[in-house]
Amino acid sequence: MLLNLFLLVIGFIVLIKGADFFVDGASSFASNLKVPKMVIALSILAFGTSAPEFAVSFKSMLEGSGELVLGNVIGSNIINILLILGVSSLICPLTVKSDTIKKEIPILFMITLLLSVLFCDNILGSDEINIITRSDGIVILLFFSIFIYYLFSVIRKRKEEEETSKYPLGKSIIISILGIIAIILGSHFVVEGATFIAKCFGVSERIIGLTIVALGTSLPELMTSIVAAKKGEVDLAVGNILGSNIFNIGIVLALPVVIFGDIVPIGFSLVDIIVMIISTVVLFWFSANDQRISAKEGFIMLAIFLLYYGYMIIEGVF
């Protein structure tokens, strides 16, 4: 138990420092290449911070814990929007660009809705149970390819305004790599330590997936977005979350399902899916209102997050 508590502390320290390096490196990398920072956030930053979720999903599928994969993705996506953007907006009001509201958030909403429809077999279909099949995974991957095409089209059409780079290109790459390695190692220590402690107290796999694993694997996004908000890199803070949620569904969930086979989420509630959809709708609503997420709106996001997790804890206990 003491060793796992030690891992938690060390993991958090490594995470914080890694996030600091990663944000600086990614920002400088974008400036060097004259690429919009939002594109870097939606791709490199998002994929890097989604690496822990990806590793957990593959490991879980190999061990036959498909429910942990789904809980990890749904929980992480809820946390990314309600908790991480909520906290980030308290640090610095988040300005959301018009293209993000018109294109990137709708892409996230559509892939979230797609997963929700594919999940609800016993409501929208004739099946008695809900199941995520290999064919569902292929459909999600095909939709994800549209997102990748969109990113390439943005790179071709737009160039970032001239901006002084903090580091040369080579150093930016090295700092980014060191940052993401530290983030992945730190989150691994946190998840391993927290999961072991939770199992000692007899916590169910669904609750572990939706809470400890989801929170733990979302720590890279949390630290990266908070550091980005503190540094005034709003595009990196917002784009990191949008891209990460899209990667979570398109790669972290769909790819393991296509490779290893179906997931039968017996212990999952429709409430989990509904909250995931609501969080995306809330993000769009607040962003479209005045192209910013204010501190007041951040408090509302955090309130929804606490209500959901309060409900889950009560349901899990009783």
C-alpha atoms as a PDB file:
ATOM      1  CA  MET A   1       0.000   0.000   0.000  1.00  0.00           C
ATOM      2  CA  LEU A   2       2.810   2.443   0.906  1.00  0.00           C
ATOM      3  CA  LEU A   3       4.581   1.691  -2.376  1.00  0.00           C
ATOM      4  CA  ASN A   4       1.418   2.516  -4.339  1.00  0.00           C
ATOM      5  CA  LEU A   5       0.950   5.769  -2.431  1.00  0.00           C
ATOM      6  CA  PHE A   6       4.558   6.625  -3.279  1.00  0.00           C
ATOM      7  CA  LEU A   7       3.847   5.885  -6.962  1.00  0.00           C
ATOM      8  CA  LEU A   8       0.877   8.281  -6.846  1.00  0.00           C
ATOM      9  CA  VAL A   9       3.023  11.143  -5.511  1.00  0.00           C
ATOM     10  CA  ILE A  10       5.920  10.543  -7.929  1.00  0.00           C
ATOM     11  CA  GLY A  11       3.457  10.167 -10.814  1.00  0.00           C
ATOM     12  CA  PHE A  12       1.870  13.565 -10.149  1.00  0.00           C
ATOM     13  CA  ILE A  13       5.274  15.289  -9.931  1.00  0.00           C
ATOM     14  CA  VAL A  14       6.461  13.771 -13.231  1.00  0.00           C
ATOM     15  CA  LEU A  15       3.120  14.627 -14.873  1.00  0.00           C
ATOM     16  CA  ILE A  16       3.267  18.309 -13.964  1.00  0.00           C
ATOM     17  CA  LYS A  17       6.822  18.783 -15.209  1.00  0.00           C
ATOM     18  CA  GLY A  18       6.132  16.764 -18.357  1.00  0.00           C
ATOM     19  CA  ALA A  19       3.080  18.883 -19.198  1.00  0.00           C
ATOM     20  CA  ASP A  20       5.157  22.049 -18.851  1.00  0.00           C
ATOM     21  CA  PHE A  21       7.744  20.731 -21.316  1.00  0.00           C
ATOM     22  CA  PHE A  22       5.111  19.373 -23.708  1.00  0.00           C
ATOM     23  CA  VAL A  23       3.178  22.649 -24.017  1.00  0.00           C
ATOM     24  CA  ASP A  24       6.335  24.708 -24.568  1.00  0.00           C
ATOM     25  CA  GLY A  25       7.666  22.232 -27.124  1.00  0.00           C
ATOM     26  CA  ALA A  26       4.389  21.937 -29.043  1.00  0.00           C
ATOM     27  CA  SER A  27       3.877  25.706 -29.165  1.00  0.00           C
ATOM     28  CA  SER A  28       7.422  26.289 -30.400  1.00  0.00           C
ATOM     29  CA  PHE A  29       7.066  23.431 -32.921  1.00  0.00           C
ATOM     30  CA  ALA A  30       3.947  25.039 -34.407  1.00  0.00           C
ATOM     31  CA  SER A  31       5.659  28.433 -34.634  1.00  0.00           C
ATOM     32  CA  ASN A  32       8.689  26.941 -36.377  1.00  0.00           C
ATOM     33  CA  LEU A  33       6.573  25.203 -39.017  1.00  0.00           C
ATOM     34  CA  LYS A  34       4.102  28.129 -39.356  1.00  0.00           C
ATOM     35  CA  VAL A  35       1.289  25.635 -38.694  1.00  0.00           C
ATOM     36  CA  PRO A  36      -1.848  26.774 -36.798  1.00  0.00           C
ATOM     37  CA  LYS A  37      -1.494  25.864 -33.133  1.00  0.00           C
ATOM     38  CA  MET A  38      -5.045  24.487 -33.171  1.00  0.00           C
ATOM     39  CA  VAL A  39      -3.942  21.858 -35.721  1.00  0.00           C
ATOM     40  CA  ILE A  40      -0.992  20.868 -33.523  1.00  0.00           C
ATOM     41  CA  ALA A  41      -3.355  20.669 -30.535  1.00  0.00           C
ATOM     42  CA  LEU A  42      -5.932  18.589 -32.435  1.00  0.00           C
ATOM     43  CA  SER A  43      -3.310  16.145 -33.705  1.00  0.00           C
ATOM     44  CA  ILE A  44       0.107  15.825 -32.026  1.00  0.00           C
ATOM     45  CA  LEU A  45      -0.930  17.196 -28.639  1.00  0.00           C
ATOM     46  CA  ALA A  46      -4.211  15.230 -28.623  1.00  0.00           C
ATOM     47  CA  PHE A  47      -2.618  11.956 -29.717  1.00  0.00           C
ATOM     48  CA  GLY A  48       0.200  12.370 -27.218  1.00  0.00           C
ATOM     49  CA  THR A  49      -2.102  13.007 -24.262  1.00  0.00           C
ATOM     50  CA  SER A  50      -4.369  10.135 -25.394  1.00  0.00           C
ATOM     51  CA  ALA A  51      -1.455   7.688 -25.298  1.00  0.00           C
ATOM     52  CA  PRO A  52      -2.246   6.492 -21.730  1.00  0.00           C
ATOM     53  CA  GLU A  53      -5.872   5.731 -22.696  1.00  0.00           C
ATOM     54  CA  PHE A  54      -4.600   3.861 -25.751  1.00  0.00           C
ATOM     55  CA  ALA A  55      -2.169   1.779 -23.682  1.00  0.00           C
ATOM     56  CA  VAL A  56      -4.836   0.994 -21.076  1.00  0.00           C
ATOM     57  CA  SER A  57      -7.310  -0.063 -23.801  1.00  0.00           C
ATOM     58  CA  PHE A  58      -4.906  -2.505 -25.459  1.00  0.00           C
ATOM     59  CA  LYS A  59      -3.861  -3.962 -22.127  1.00  0.00           C
ATOM     60  CA  SER A  60      -7.490  -4.302 -21.003  1.00  0.00           C
ATOM     61  CA  MET A  61      -8.594  -6.025 -24.239  1.00  0.00           C
ATOM     62  CA  LEU A  62      -5.670  -8.464 -23.996  1.00  0.00           C
ATOM     63  CA  GLU A  63      -6.749  -9.295 -20.456  1.00  0.00           C
ATOM     64  CA  GLY A  64     -10.430  -9.643 -21.468  1.00  0.00           C
ATOM     65  CA  SER A  65     -11.581  -6.517 -19.618  1.00  0.00           C
ATOM     66  CA  GLY A  66     -13.606  -4.895 -22.407  1.00  0.00           C
ATOM     67  CA  GLU A  67     -15.776  -2.946 -19.966  1.00  0.00           C
ATOM     68  CA  LEU A  68     -12.680  -1.150 -18.705  1.00  0.00           C
ATOM     69  CA  VAL A  69     -11.990   0.073 -22.271  1.00  0.00           C
ATOM     70  CA  LEU A  70     -15.458   1.570 -22.679  1.00  0.00           C
ATOM     71  CA  GLY A  71     -15.433   3.023 -19.166  1.00  0.00           C
ATOM     72  CA  ASN A  72     -12.027   4.550 -19.831  1.00  0.00           C
ATOM     73  CA  VAL A  73     -13.201   6.271 -23.038  1.00  0.00           C
ATOM     74  CA  ILE A  74     -16.608   7.467 -21.813  1.00  0.00           C
ATOM     75  CA  GLY A  75     -15.224   8.587 -18.475  1.00  0.00           C
ATOM     76  CA  SER A  76     -12.226  10.347 -20.042  1.00  0.00           C
ATOM     77  CA  ASN A  77     -14.391  12.236 -22.540  1.00  0.00           C
ATOM     78  CA  ILE A  78     -16.722  13.448 -19.789  1.00  0.00           C
ATOM     79  CA  ILE A  79     -13.774  14.447 -17.602  1.00  0.00           C
ATOM     80  CA  ASN A  80     -11.967  16.191 -20.470  1.00  0.00           C
ATOM     81  CA  ILE A  81     -14.872  18.566 -21.113  1.00  0.00           C
ATOM     82  CA  LEU A  82     -16.598  19.059 -17.771  1.00  0.00           C
ATOM     83  CA  LEU A  83     -13.604  18.892 -15.432  1.00  0.00           C
ATOM     84  CA  ILE A  84     -10.576  19.913 -17.500  1.00  0.00           C
ATOM     85  CA  LEU A  85     -12.135  22.709 -19.579  1.00  0.00           C
ATOM     86  CA  GLY A  86     -14.090  23.762 -16.500  1.00  0.00           C
ATOM     87  CA  VAL A  87     -10.917  24.115 -14.426  1.00  0.00           C
ATOM     88  CA  SER A  88      -8.995  25.716 -17.332  1.00  0.00           C
ATOM     89  CA  SER A  89     -11.696  28.378 -17.772  1.00  0.00           C
ATOM     90  CA  LEU A  90     -11.348  29.315 -14.107  1.00  0.00           C
ATOM     91  CA  ILE A  91      -7.652  29.968 -14.677  1.00  0.00           C
ATOM     92  CA  CYS A  92      -8.186  31.920 -17.889  1.00  0.00           C
ATOM     93  CA  PRO A  93     -11.434  32.499 -19.872  1.00  0.00           C
ATOM     94  CA  LEU A  94     -11.128  30.323 -22.977  1.00  0.00           C
ATOM     95  CA  THR A  95     -11.648  32.090 -26.295  1.00  0.00           C
ATOM     96  CA  VAL A  96     -13.049  29.667 -28.886  1.00  0.00           C
ATOM     97  CA  LYS A  97     -12.466  30.488 -32.548  1.00  0.00           C
ATOM     98  CA  SER A  98     -15.265  30.540 -35.101  1.00  0.00           C
ATOM     99  CA  ASP A  99     -13.848  27.580 -37.076  1.00  0.00           C
ATOM    100  CA  THR A 100     -13.714  25.534 -33.890  1.00  0.00           C
ATOM    101  CA  ILE A 101     -17.400  26.224 -33.184  1.00  0.00           C
ATOM    102  CA  LYS A 102     -18.507  25.578 -36.780  1.00  0.00           C
ATOM    103  CA  LYS A 103     -16.302  22.592 -37.633  1.00  0.00           C
ATOM    104  CA  GLU A 104     -14.272  20.954 -34.869  1.00  0.00           C
ATOM    105  CA  ILE A 105     -16.883  20.826 -32.097  1.00  0.00           C
ATOM    106  CA  PRO A 106     -19.541  19.476 -34.547  1.00  0.00           C
ATOM    107  CA  ILE A 107     -17.069  16.746 -35.609  1.00  0.00           C
ATOM    108  CA  LEU A 108     -16.673  15.794 -31.948  1.00  0.00           C
ATOM    109  CA  PHE A 109     -20.449  15.832 -31.451  1.00  0.00           C
ATOM    110  CA  MET A 110     -21.037  13.601 -34.496  1.00  0.00           C
ATOM    111  CA  ILE A 111     -18.495  10.950 -33.483  1.00  0.00           C
ATOM    112  CA  THR A 112     -19.880  11.053 -29.902  1.00  0.00           C
ATOM    113  CA  LEU A 113     -23.418  10.587 -31.245  1.00  0.00           C
ATOM    114  CA  LEU A 114     -22.197   7.788 -33.530  1.00  0.00           C
ATOM    115  CA  LEU A 115     -20.735   5.877 -30.575  1.00  0.00           C
ATOM    116  CA  SER A 116     -23.942   6.451 -28.588  1.00  0.00           C
ATOM    117  CA  VAL A 117     -26.149   5.089 -31.399  1.00  0.00           C
ATOM    118  CA  LEU A 118     -23.895   2.042 -31.893  1.00  0.00           C
ATOM    119  CA  PHE A 119     -23.942   1.434 -28.131  1.00  0.00           C
ATOM    120  CA  CYS A 120     -27.728   1.466 -27.666  1.00  0.00           C
ATOM    121  CA  ASP A 121     -28.636  -1.830 -29.384  1.00  0.00           C
ATOM    122  CA  ASN A 122     -31.433  -2.715 -26.965  1.00  0.00           C
ATOM    123  CA  ILE A 123     -33.119   0.682 -27.448  1.00  0.00           C
ATOM    124  CA  LEU A 124     -32.525   1.490 -31.125  1.00  0.00           C
ATOM    125  CA  GLY A 125     -32.278  -2.093 -32.374  1.00  0.00           C
ATOM    126  CA  SER A 126     -33.741  -5.528 -31.783  1.00  0.00           C
ATOM    127  CA  ASP A 127     -30.891  -6.910 -29.643  1.00  0.00           C
ATOM    128  CA  GLU A 128     -31.542  -7.752 -26.002  1.00  0.00           C
ATOM    129  CA  ILE A 129     -28.155  -6.444 -24.845  1.00  0.00           C
ATOM    130  CA  ASN A 130     -25.890  -3.548 -25.788  1.00  0.00           C
ATOM    131  CA  ILE A 131     -22.703  -4.518 -27.624  1.00  0.00           C
ATOM    132  CA  ILE A 132     -19.868  -2.759 -29.445  1.00  0.00           C
ATOM    133  CA  THR A 133     -19.020  -5.072 -32.362  1.00  0.00           C
ATOM    134  CA  ARG A 134     -16.030  -5.240 -34.696  1.00  0.00           C
ATOM    135  CA  SER A 135     -18.194  -3.793 -37.492  1.00  0.00           C
ATOM    136  CA  ASP A 136     -19.099  -0.887 -35.159  1.00  0.00           C
ATOM    137  CA  GLY A 137     -15.383  -0.295 -34.682  1.00  0.00           C
ATOM    138  CA  ILE A 138     -14.829  -0.201 -38.450  1.00  0.00           C
ATOM    139  CA  VAL A 139     -17.640   2.359 -38.874  1.00  0.00           C
ATOM    140  CA  ILE A 140     -16.075   4.565 -36.187  1.00  0.00           C
ATOM    141  CA  LEU A 141     -12.634   4.273 -37.802  1.00  0.00           C
ATOM    142  CA  LEU A 142     -14.085   5.331 -41.159  1.00  0.00           C
ATOM    143  CA  PHE A 143     -15.624   8.403 -39.546  1.00  0.00           C
ATOM    144  CA  PHE A 144     -12.333   9.133 -37.792  1.00  0.00           C
ATOM    145  CA  SER A 145     -10.597   9.154 -41.189  1.00  0.00           C
ATOM    146  CA  ILE A 146     -12.821  12.128 -42.114  1.00  0.00           C
ATOM    147  CA  PHE A 147     -11.359  14.015 -39.150  1.00  0.00           C
ATOM    148  CA  ILE A 148      -7.814  13.226 -40.321  1.00  0.00           C
ATOM    149  CA  TYR A 149      -8.699  14.454 -43.823  1.00  0.00           C
ATOM    150  CA  TYR A 150     -10.067  17.662 -42.285  1.00  0.00           C
ATOM    151  CA  LEU A 151      -6.785  18.275 -40.436  1.00  0.00           C
ATOM    152  CA  PHE A 152      -4.768  17.906 -43.645  1.00  0.00           C
ATOM    153  CA  SER A 153      -7.122  20.265 -45.475  1.00  0.00           C
ATOM    154  CA  VAL A 154      -6.643  22.899 -42.745  1.00  0.00           C
ATOM    155  CA  ILE A 155      -2.859  22.609 -43.016  1.00  0.00           C
ATOM    156  CA  ARG A 156      -3.034  23.064 -46.786  1.00  0.00           C
ATOM    157  CA  LYS A 157      -5.327  26.092 -46.665  1.00  0.00           C
ATOM    158  CA  ARG A 158      -4.099  28.035 -43.652  1.00  0.00           C
ATOM    159  CA  LYS A 159      -0.784  29.343 -42.457  1.00  0.00           C
ATOM    160  CA  GLU A 160      -0.075  30.590 -38.978  1.00  0.00           C
ATOM    161  CA  GLU A 161       0.800  34.256 -38.599  1.00  0.00           C
ATOM    162  CA  GLU A 162       4.487  35.044 -38.191  1.00  0.00           C
ATOM    163  CA  GLU A 163       5.499  34.349 -34.595  1.00  0.00           C
ATOM    164  CA  THR A 164       8.850  34.066 -32.855  1.00  0.00           C
ATOM    165  CA  SER A 165       9.651  30.517 -31.794  1.00  0.00           C
ATOM    166  CA  LYS A 166      10.785  29.929 -28.219  1.00  0.00           C
ATOM    167  CA  TYR A 167      13.170  27.174 -29.352  1.00  0.00           C
ATOM    168  CA  PRO A 168      14.733  26.050 -32.656  1.00  0.00           C
ATOM    169  CA  LEU A 169      12.850  23.258 -34.462  1.00  0.00           C
ATOM    170  CA  GLY A 170      15.163  20.454 -33.302  1.00  0.00           C
ATOM    171  CA  LYS A 171      15.031  21.524 -29.662  1.00  0.00           C
ATOM    172  CA  SER A 172      11.225  21.931 -29.880  1.00  0.00           C
ATOM    173  CA  ILE A 173      10.906  18.312 -31.029  1.00  0.00           C
ATOM    174  CA  ILE A 174      13.226  17.010 -28.286  1.00  0.00           C
ATOM    175  CA  ILE A 175      11.413  18.979 -25.552  1.00  0.00           C
ATOM    176  CA  SER A 176       8.012  17.751 -26.851  1.00  0.00           C
ATOM    177  CA  ILE A 177       9.191  14.116 -26.853  1.00  0.00           C
ATOM    178  CA  LEU A 178      10.663  14.389 -23.356  1.00  0.00           C
ATOM    179  CA  GLY A 179       7.436  16.018 -22.192  1.00  0.00           C
ATOM    180  CA  ILE A 180       5.142  13.307 -23.540  1.00  0.00           C
ATOM    181  CA  ILE A 181       7.397  10.536 -22.177  1.00  0.00           C
ATOM    182  CA  ALA A 182       7.211  12.139 -18.726  1.00  0.00           C
ATOM    183  CA  ILE A 183       3.423  12.540 -19.065  1.00  0.00           C
ATOM    184  CA  ILE A 184       2.920   8.885 -20.035  1.00  0.00           C
ATOM    185  CA  LEU A 185       5.202   7.592 -17.262  1.00  0.00           C
ATOM    186  CA  GLY A 186       3.591   9.859 -14.677  1.00  0.00           C
ATOM    187  CA  SER A 187       0.048   8.855 -15.608  1.00  0.00           C
ATOM    188  CA  HIS A 188       1.067   5.181 -15.603  1.00  0.00           C
ATOM    189  CA  PHE A 189       2.350   5.464 -12.031  1.00  0.00           C
ATOM    190  CA  VAL A 190      -0.817   7.254 -10.934  1.00  0.00           C
ATOM    191  CA  VAL A 191      -3.196   4.754 -12.586  1.00  0.00           C
ATOM    192  CA  GLU A 192      -1.321   1.691 -11.327  1.00  0.00           C
ATOM    193  CA  GLY A 193      -1.160   3.001  -7.781  1.00  0.00           C
ATOM    194  CA  ALA A 194      -4.762   4.209  -7.644  1.00  0.00           C
ATOM    195  CA  THR A 195      -6.204   1.078  -9.284  1.00  0.00           C
ATOM    196  CA  PHE A 196      -4.402  -1.218  -6.845  1.00  0.00           C
ATOM    197  CA  ILE A 197      -5.665   0.789  -3.866  1.00  0.00           C
ATOM    198  CA  ALA A 198      -9.243   0.783  -5.248  1.00  0.00           C
ATOM    199  CA  LYS A 199      -9.221  -2.992  -5.796  1.00  0.00           C
ATOM    200  CA  CYS A 200      -8.097  -3.444  -2.205  1.00  0.00           C
ATOM    201  CA  PHE A 201     -11.375  -1.777  -1.189  1.00  0.00           C
ATOM    202  CA  GLY A 202     -13.467  -3.987  -3.538  1.00  0.00           C
ATOM    203  CA  VAL A 203     -14.456  -1.276  -6.044  1.00  0.00           C
ATOM    204  CA  SER A 204     -16.165  -2.644  -9.219  1.00  0.00           C
ATOM    205  CA  GLU A 205     -14.506  -2.652 -12.663  1.00  0.00           C
ATOM    206  CA  ARG A 206     -17.093  -0.224 -14.096  1.00  0.00           C
ATOM    207  CA  ILE A 207     -16.522   2.306 -11.313  1.00  0.00           C
ATOM    208  CA  ILE A 208     -12.741   1.885 -11.578  1.00  0.00           C
ATOM    209  CA  GLY A 209     -12.954   2.444 -15.355  1.00  0.00           C
ATOM    210  CA  LEU A 210     -15.219   5.489 -15.162  1.00  0.00           C
ATOM    211  CA  THR A 211     -13.409   7.110 -12.246  1.00  0.00           C
ATOM    212  CA  ILE A 212      -9.845   6.116 -11.322  1.00  0.00           C
ATOM    213  CA  VAL A 213      -8.674   4.891 -14.731  1.00  0.00           C
ATOM    214  CA  ALA A 214     -10.536   7.646 -16.601  1.00  0.00           C
ATOM    215  CA  LEU A 215      -9.248  10.325 -14.216  1.00  0.00           C
ATOM    216  CA  GLY A 216      -5.754   8.869 -14.248  1.00  0.00           C
ATOM    217  CA  THR A 217      -5.475   8.577 -18.012  1.00  0.00           C
ATOM    218  CA  SER A 218      -6.980  12.075 -18.355  1.00  0.00           C
ATOM    219  CA  LEU A 219      -4.229  13.569 -16.210  1.00  0.00           C
ATOM    220  CA  PRO A 220      -2.111  14.329 -19.316  1.00  0.00           C
ATOM    221  CA  GLU A 221      -4.986  16.354 -20.798  1.00  0.00           C
ATOM    222  CA  LEU A 222      -5.626  17.994 -17.413  1.00  0.00           C
ATOM    223  CA  MET A 223      -2.034  19.060 -16.837  1.00  0.00           C
ATOM    224  CA  THR A 224      -1.461  20.022 -20.474  1.00  0.00           C
ATOM    225  CA  SER A 225      -4.619  22.164 -20.679  1.00  0.00           C
ATOM    226  CA  ILE A 226      -4.046  23.836 -17.297  1.00  0.00           C
ATOM    227  CA  VAL A 227      -0.426  24.665 -18.176  1.00  0.00           C
ATOM    228  CA  ALA A 228      -1.532  25.894 -21.627  1.00  0.00           C
ATOM    229  CA  ALA A 229      -4.219  28.114 -20.054  1.00  0.00           C
ATOM    230  CA  LYS A 230      -1.695  29.557 -17.588  1.00  0.00           C
ATOM    231  CA  LYS A 231       0.666  30.360 -20.461  1.00  0.00           C
ATOM    232  CA  GLY A 232      -2.147  31.979 -22.474  1.00  0.00           C
ATOM    233  CA  GLU A 233      -2.042  29.226 -25.122  1.00  0.00           C
ATOM    234  CA  VAL A 234      -5.844  28.966 -25.383  1.00  0.00           C
ATOM    235  CA  ASP A 235      -5.816  27.179 -28.767  1.00  0.00           C
ATOM    236  CA  LEU A 236      -3.629  24.452 -27.283  1.00  0.00           C
ATOM    237  CA  ALA A 237      -5.870  24.121 -24.204  1.00  0.00           C
ATOM    238  CA  VAL A 238      -9.126  23.824 -26.191  1.00  0.00           C
ATOM    239  CA  GLY A 239      -7.740  21.906 -29.178  1.00  0.00           C
ATOM    240  CA  ASN A 240      -6.053  19.386 -26.893  1.00  0.00           C
ATOM    241  CA  ILE A 241      -9.426  18.420 -25.364  1.00  0.00           C
ATOM    242  CA  LEU A 242     -11.370  18.336 -28.651  1.00  0.00           C
ATOM    243  CA  GLY A 243      -8.713  16.265 -30.391  1.00  0.00           C
ATOM    244  CA  SER A 244      -8.226  13.965 -27.426  1.00  0.00           C
ATOM    245  CA  ASN A 245     -11.965  13.156 -27.220  1.00  0.00           C
ATOM    246  CA  ILE A 246     -12.066  12.422 -30.953  1.00  0.00           C
ATOM    247  CA  PHE A 247      -8.945  10.223 -30.669  1.00  0.00           C
ATOM    248  CA  ASN A 248     -10.430   8.439 -27.638  1.00  0.00           C
ATOM    249  CA  ILE A 249     -13.457   7.279 -29.634  1.00  0.00           C
ATOM    250  CA  GLY A 250     -11.790   6.914 -33.040  1.00  0.00           C
ATOM    251  CA  ILE A 251      -8.577   5.164 -31.967  1.00  0.00           C
ATOM    252  CA  VAL A 252      -8.542   4.284 -28.254  1.00  0.00           C
ATOM    253  CA  LEU A 253     -11.918   2.479 -28.486  1.00  0.00           C
ATOM    254  CA  ALA A 254     -12.432   1.578 -32.139  1.00  0.00           C
ATOM    255  CA  LEU A 255      -8.985   0.183 -32.980  1.00  0.00           C
ATOM    256  CA  PRO A 256      -8.791  -2.376 -30.115  1.00  0.00           C
ATOM    257  CA  VAL A 257     -12.374  -3.481 -30.895  1.00  0.00           C
ATOM    258  CA  VAL A 258     -11.487  -4.026 -34.570  1.00  0.00           C
ATOM    259  CA  ILE A 259      -8.361  -5.988 -33.612  1.00  0.00           C
ATOM    260  CA  PHE A 260      -9.581  -8.003 -30.606  1.00  0.00           C
ATOM    261  CA  GLY A 261     -13.341  -8.274 -31.104  1.00  0.00           C
ATOM    262  CA  ASP A 262     -16.614  -7.258 -29.438  1.00  0.00           C
ATOM    263  CA  ILE A 263     -17.201  -5.469 -26.134  1.00  0.00           C
ATOM    264  CA  VAL A 264     -20.315  -6.423 -24.142  1.00  0.00           C
ATOM    265  CA  PRO A 265     -20.770  -3.581 -21.617  1.00  0.00           C
ATOM    266  CA  ILE A 266     -23.065  -5.416 -19.198  1.00  0.00           C
ATOM    267  CA  GLY A 267     -22.519  -3.119 -16.243  1.00  0.00           C
ATOM    268  CA  PHE A 268     -22.974   0.163 -18.085  1.00  0.00           C
ATOM    269  CA  SER A 269     -25.846   2.546 -17.585  1.00  0.00           C
ATOM    270  CA  LEU A 270     -27.502   4.681 -20.247  1.00  0.00           C
ATOM    271  CA  VAL A 271     -26.804   7.596 -17.895  1.00  0.00           C
ATOM    272  CA  ASP A 272     -23.083   7.350 -18.751  1.00  0.00           C
ATOM    273  CA  ILE A 273     -23.819   7.808 -22.466  1.00  0.00           C
ATOM    274  CA  ILE A 274     -26.330  10.609 -21.836  1.00  0.00           C
ATOM    275  CA  VAL A 275     -23.826  12.575 -19.728  1.00  0.00           C
ATOM    276  CA  MET A 276     -21.171  12.157 -22.435  1.00  0.00           C
ATOM    277  CA  ILE A 277     -23.587  13.654 -25.004  1.00  0.00           C
ATOM    278  CA  ILE A 278     -24.697  16.413 -22.629  1.00  0.00           C
ATOM    279  CA  SER A 279     -21.082  17.437 -21.950  1.00  0.00           C
ATOM    280  CA  THR A 280     -20.470  17.875 -25.706  1.00  0.00           C
ATOM    281  CA  VAL A 281     -23.705  19.858 -26.139  1.00  0.00           C
ATOM    282  CA  VAL A 282     -22.779  22.086 -23.181  1.00  0.00           C
ATOM    283  CA  LEU A 283     -19.362  22.720 -24.723  1.00  0.00           C
ATOM    284  CA  PHE A 284     -20.964  23.781 -28.003  1.00  0.00           C
ATOM    285  CA  TRP A 285     -23.608  25.916 -26.289  1.00  0.00           C
ATOM    286  CA  PHE A 286     -21.144  27.853 -24.147  1.00  0.00           C
ATOM    287  CA  SER A 287     -18.679  28.276 -27.025  1.00  0.00           C
ATOM    288  CA  ALA A 288     -21.299  29.422 -29.554  1.00  0.00           C
ATOM    289  CA  ASN A 289     -22.890  31.869 -27.107  1.00  0.00           C
ATOM    290  CA  ASP A 290     -20.099  34.466 -27.194  1.00  0.00           C
ATOM    291  CA  GLN A 291     -17.082  32.520 -28.546  1.00  0.00           C
ATOM    292  CA  ARG A 292     -15.639  32.006 -25.095  1.00  0.00           C
ATOM    293  CA  ILE A 293     -15.982  29.786 -22.054  1.00  0.00           C
ATOM    294  CA  SER A 294     -16.135  32.069 -19.019  1.00  0.00           C
ATOM    295  CA  ALA A 295     -15.345  31.292 -15.392  1.00  0.00           C
ATOM    296  CA  LYS A 296     -19.108  31.208 -14.634  1.00  0.00           C
ATOM    297  CA  GLU A 297     -19.651  28.633 -17.382  1.00  0.00           C
ATOM    298  CA  GLY A 298     -16.659  26.706 -16.053  1.00  0.00           C
ATOM    299  CA  PHE A 299     -18.384  26.503 -12.652  1.00  0.00           C
ATOM    300  CA  ILE A 300     -21.503  25.117 -14.362  1.00  0.00           C
ATOM    301  CA  MET A 301     -19.390  22.452 -16.092  1.00  0.00           C
ATOM    302  CA  LEU A 302     -17.810  21.486 -12.783  1.00  0.00           C
ATOM    303  CA  ALA A 303     -21.260  21.347 -11.129  1.00  0.00           C
ATOM    304  CA  ILE A 304     -22.531  18.908 -13.774  1.00  0.00           C
ATOM    305  CA  PHE A 305     -19.355  16.853 -13.348  1.00  0.00           C
ATOM    306  CA  LEU A 306     -19.793  16.665  -9.555  1.00  0.00           C
ATOM    307  CA  LEU A 307     -23.490  15.753  -9.878  1.00  0.00           C
ATOM    308  CA  TYR A 308     -22.672  12.895 -12.266  1.00  0.00           C
ATOM    309  CA  TYR A 309     -19.838  11.525 -10.167  1.00  0.00           C
ATOM    310  CA  GLY A 310     -21.897  11.929  -7.009  1.00  0.00           C
ATOM    311  CA  TYR A 311     -24.664   9.878  -8.628  1.00  0.00           C
ATOM    312  CA  MET A 312     -22.142   7.224  -9.718  1.00  0.00           C
ATOM    313  CA  ILE A 313     -20.614   6.915  -6.264  1.00  0.00           C
ATOM    314  CA  ILE A 314     -24.052   6.608  -4.599  1.00  0.00           C
ATOM    315  CA  GLU A 315     -25.144   4.041  -7.211  1.00  0.00           C
ATOM    316  CA  GLY A 316     -21.915   2.089  -6.746  1.00  0.00           C
ATOM    317  CA  VAL A 317     -22.198   2.060  -2.953  1.00  0.00           C
ATOM    318  CA  PHE A 318     -25.913   1.260  -2.704  1.00  0.00           C
END
